[in-house]
C-alpha atoms as a PDB file:
ATOM      1  CA  MET A   1      -6.423  -5.121 -15.637  1.00  0.00           C
ATOM      2  CA  SER A   2      -5.899  -1.686 -17.145  1.00  0.00           C
ATOM      3  CA  THR A   3      -7.430  -0.488 -20.387  1.00  0.00           C
ATOM      4  CA  ASP A   4      -3.907  -0.344 -21.854  1.00  0.00           C
ATOM      5  CA  THR A   5      -3.470  -4.071 -21.227  1.00  0.00           C
ATOM      6  CA  VAL A   6      -6.793  -4.883 -22.890  1.00  0.00           C
ATOM      7  CA  SER A   7      -6.121  -2.502 -25.779  1.00  0.00           C
ATOM      8  CA  GLY A   8      -2.673  -4.042 -26.216  1.00  0.00           C
ATOM      9  CA  LYS A   9      -4.094  -7.549 -26.431  1.00  0.00           C
ATOM     10  CA  PHE A  10      -6.656  -6.333 -28.983  1.00  0.00           C
ATOM     11  CA  ASP A  11      -3.916  -4.688 -31.079  1.00  0.00           C
ATOM     12  CA  GLN A  12      -1.916  -7.916 -31.010  1.00  0.00           C
ATOM     13  CA  LEU A  13      -4.895  -9.952 -32.192  1.00  0.00           C
ATOM     14  CA  LYS A  14      -5.769  -7.387 -34.873  1.00  0.00           C
ATOM     15  CA  GLY A  15      -2.130  -7.393 -35.996  1.00  0.00           C
ATOM     16  CA  GLN A  16      -2.013 -11.187 -36.241  1.00  0.00           C
ATOM     17  CA  VAL A  17      -5.121 -11.180 -38.415  1.00  0.00           C
ATOM     18  CA  LYS A  18      -3.789  -8.394 -40.655  1.00  0.00           C
ATOM     19  CA  GLN A  19      -0.401 -10.106 -40.945  1.00  0.00           C
ATOM     20  CA  SER A  20      -1.993 -13.454 -41.816  1.00  0.00           C
ATOM     21  CA  ILE A  21      -4.255 -11.903 -44.460  1.00  0.00           C
ATOM     22  CA  GLY A  22      -1.360  -9.874 -45.869  1.00  0.00           C
ATOM     23  CA  GLU A  23       0.851 -12.959 -46.118  1.00  0.00           C
ATOM     24  CA  ALA A  24      -1.964 -15.033 -47.632  1.00  0.00           C
ATOM     25  CA  THR A  25      -2.650 -12.396 -50.289  1.00  0.00           C
ATOM     26  CA  ASN A  26       1.017 -11.465 -50.836  1.00  0.00           C
ATOM     27  CA  ASP A  27       0.269  -7.937 -49.599  1.00  0.00           C
ATOM     28  CA  ASP A  28       3.514  -6.969 -47.854  1.00  0.00           C
ATOM     29  CA  SER A  29       2.108  -3.613 -46.791  1.00  0.00           C
ATOM     30  CA  LEU A  30      -0.802  -5.273 -44.946  1.00  0.00           C
ATOM     31  CA  ALA A  31       1.490  -7.946 -43.456  1.00  0.00           C
ATOM     32  CA  ASN A  32       3.919  -5.254 -42.249  1.00  0.00           C
ATOM     33  CA  SER A  33       1.075  -3.191 -40.835  1.00  0.00           C
ATOM     34  CA  GLY A  34      -0.094  -6.286 -38.955  1.00  0.00           C
ATOM     35  CA  ALA A  35       3.382  -6.853 -37.537  1.00  0.00           C
ATOM     36  CA  ALA A  36       3.541  -3.181 -36.478  1.00  0.00           C
ATOM     37  CA  ASP A  37       0.158  -3.531 -34.762  1.00  0.00           C
ATOM     38  CA  GLN A  38       1.465  -6.557 -32.872  1.00  0.00           C
ATOM     39  CA  VAL A  39       4.550  -4.642 -31.715  1.00  0.00           C
ATOM     40  CA  LYS A  40       2.347  -1.723 -30.659  1.00  0.00           C
ATOM     41  CA  GLY A  41       0.068  -4.183 -28.836  1.00  0.00           C
ATOM     42  CA  HIS A  42       2.971  -5.769 -26.964  1.00  0.00           C
ATOM     43  CA  ALA A  43       4.166  -2.310 -25.893  1.00  0.00           C
ATOM     44  CA  LYS A  44       0.672  -1.294 -24.730  1.00  0.00           C
ATOM     45  CA  GLU A  45       0.222  -4.544 -22.821  1.00  0.00           C
ATOM     46  CA  ALA A  46       3.619  -4.124 -21.136  1.00  0.00           C
ATOM     47  CA  TRP A  47       2.728  -0.526 -20.222  1.00  0.00           C
ATOM     48  CA  GLY A  48      -0.630  -1.670 -18.856  1.00  0.00           C
ATOM     49  CA  ASN A  49       1.024  -4.386 -16.785  1.00  0.00           C
ATOM     50  CA  THR A  50       3.515  -1.836 -15.453  1.00  0.00           C
ATOM     51  CA  LYS A  51       0.699   0.521 -14.458  1.00  0.00           C
ATOM     52  CA  ASP A  52      -1.141  -2.377 -12.775  1.00  0.00           C
ATOM     53  CA  ALA A  53       2.013  -3.318 -10.855  1.00  0.00           C
ATOM     54  CA  VAL A  54       2.602   0.267  -9.726  1.00  0.00           C
ATOM     55  CA  HIS A  55      -1.017   0.533  -8.605  1.00  0.00           C
ATOM     56  CA  SER A  56      -0.734  -2.757  -6.713  1.00  0.00           C
ATOM     57  CA  VAL A  57       2.522  -1.747  -5.008  1.00  0.00           C
ATOM     58  CA  SER A  58       1.068   1.654  -4.171  1.00  0.00           C
ATOM     59  CA  THR A  59      -2.058   0.076  -2.693  1.00  0.00           C
ATOM     60  CA  ASP A  60       0.029  -2.393  -0.677  1.00  0.00           C
ATOM     61  CA  ALA A  61       2.283   0.404   0.589  1.00  0.00           C
ATOM     62  CA  LYS A  62      -0.737   2.464   1.609  1.00  0.00           C
ATOM     63  CA  THR A  63      -2.295  -0.523   3.378  1.00  0.00           C
ATOM     64  CA  ASN A  64       0.978  -1.299   5.168  1.00  0.00           C
ATOM     65  CA  ALA A  65       1.425   2.354   6.155  1.00  0.00           C
ATOM     66  CA  GLU A  66      -2.114   2.471   7.549  1.00  0.00           C
ATOM     67  CA  ALA A  67      -1.520  -0.742   9.493  1.00  0.00           C
ATOM     68  CA  GLU A  68       1.778   0.615  10.838  1.00  0.00           C
ATOM     69  CA  HIS A  69       0.066   3.874  11.770  1.00  0.00           C
ATOM     70  CA  ASP A  70      -2.661   1.958  13.616  1.00  0.00           C
ATOM     71  CA  SER A  71      -0.039  -0.140  15.411  1.00  0.00           C
ATOM     72  CA  VAL A  72       1.994   2.909  16.425  1.00  0.00           C
ATOM     73  CA  HIS A  73      -1.175   4.697  17.492  1.00  0.00           C
ATOM     74  CA  ALA A  74      -2.245   1.736  19.647  1.00  0.00           C
ATOM     75  CA  SER A  75       1.249   1.498  21.110  1.00  0.00           C
ATOM     76  CA  GLY A  76       1.183   5.216  21.878  1.00  0.00           C
ATOM     77  CA  GLU A  77      -2.195   4.869  23.561  1.00  0.00           C
ATOM     78  CA  ASN A  78      -0.872   1.979  25.638  1.00  0.00           C
ATOM     79  CA  THR A  79       2.233   3.966  26.603  1.00  0.00           C
ATOM     80  CA  ALA A  80       0.101   6.970  27.567  1.00  0.00           C
ATOM     81  CA  HIS A  81      -2.143   4.743  29.695  1.00  0.00           C
ATOM     82  CA  ASN A  82       0.865   3.209  31.439  1.00  0.00           C
ATOM     83  CA  LEU A  83       2.374   6.651  32.050  1.00  0.00           C
ATOM     84  CA  ARG A  84      -0.875   7.937  33.555  1.00  0.00           C
ATOM     85  CA  ASP A  85      -1.047   4.867  35.805  1.00  0.00           C
ATOM     86  CA  SER A  86       2.559   5.439  36.920  1.00  0.00           C
ATOM     87  CA  ILE A  87       1.844   9.075  37.740  1.00  0.00           C
ATOM     88  CA  VAL A  88      -1.301   8.180  39.687  1.00  0.00           C
ATOM     89  CA  ASN A  89       0.553   5.417  41.571  1.00  0.00           C
ATOM     90  CA  ALA A  90       3.434   7.797  42.394  1.00  0.00           C
ATOM     91  CA  ALA A  91       0.970  10.421  43.652  1.00  0.00           C
ATOM     92  CA  HIS A  92      -0.768   7.764  45.753  1.00  0.00           C
ATOM     93  CA  SER A  93       2.567   6.661  47.243  1.00  0.00           C
ATOM     94  CA  ILE A  94       3.552  10.252  48.030  1.00  0.00           C
ATOM     95  CA  LYS A  95       0.179  10.873  49.658  1.00  0.00           C
ATOM     96  CA  ASP A  96       0.572   7.722  51.770  1.00  0.00           C
ATOM     97  CA  ALA A  97       4.070   8.828  52.816  1.00  0.00           C
ATOM     98  CA  VAL A  98       2.844  12.323  53.735  1.00  0.00           C
ATOM     99  CA  VAL A  99      -0.121  10.912  55.683  1.00  0.00           C
ATOM    100  CA  SER A 100       2.163   8.476  57.474  1.00  0.00           C
ATOM    101  CA  HIS A 101       4.651  11.203  58.323  1.00  0.00           C
ATOM    102  CA  THR A 102       1.807  13.497  59.456  1.00  0.00           C
ATOM    103  CA  ASP A 103       0.413  10.728  61.664  1.00  0.00           C
ATOM    104  CA  ASP A 104       3.876  10.198  63.187  1.00  0.00           C
ATOM    105  CA  VAL A 105       4.164  13.934  63.940  1.00  0.00           C
ATOM    106  CA  LYS A 106       0.683  13.951  65.528  1.00  0.00           C
ATOM    107  CA  ASP A 107       1.535  10.907  67.643  1.00  0.00           C
ATOM    108  CA  LYS A 108       4.741  12.543  68.960  1.00  0.00           C
ATOM    109  CA  HIS A 109       2.916  15.665  70.186  1.00  0.00           C
END
């Protein structure tokens, strides 16, 4: 909860008290000031909630991006491993073919 949200709730409470006292004592200026404080408090609380929501969405997006990065990184590592294995297997097959062909040539002479 942001400080704006807390401050907004405090302003609302303060405004309710001022408005109640102003109405009880027939002091329109105090009652109006209390109503203004309540409006200001509602605006602050809404702003605080908006900031909290943005922070939450930002944190979630960062977490999701990090998870996606880790997934892509792991996938890339797996692909690289598979590619290296394919290259090694191809080299092994070529070597076997060359050795076999060389053995055939030796046997014919």
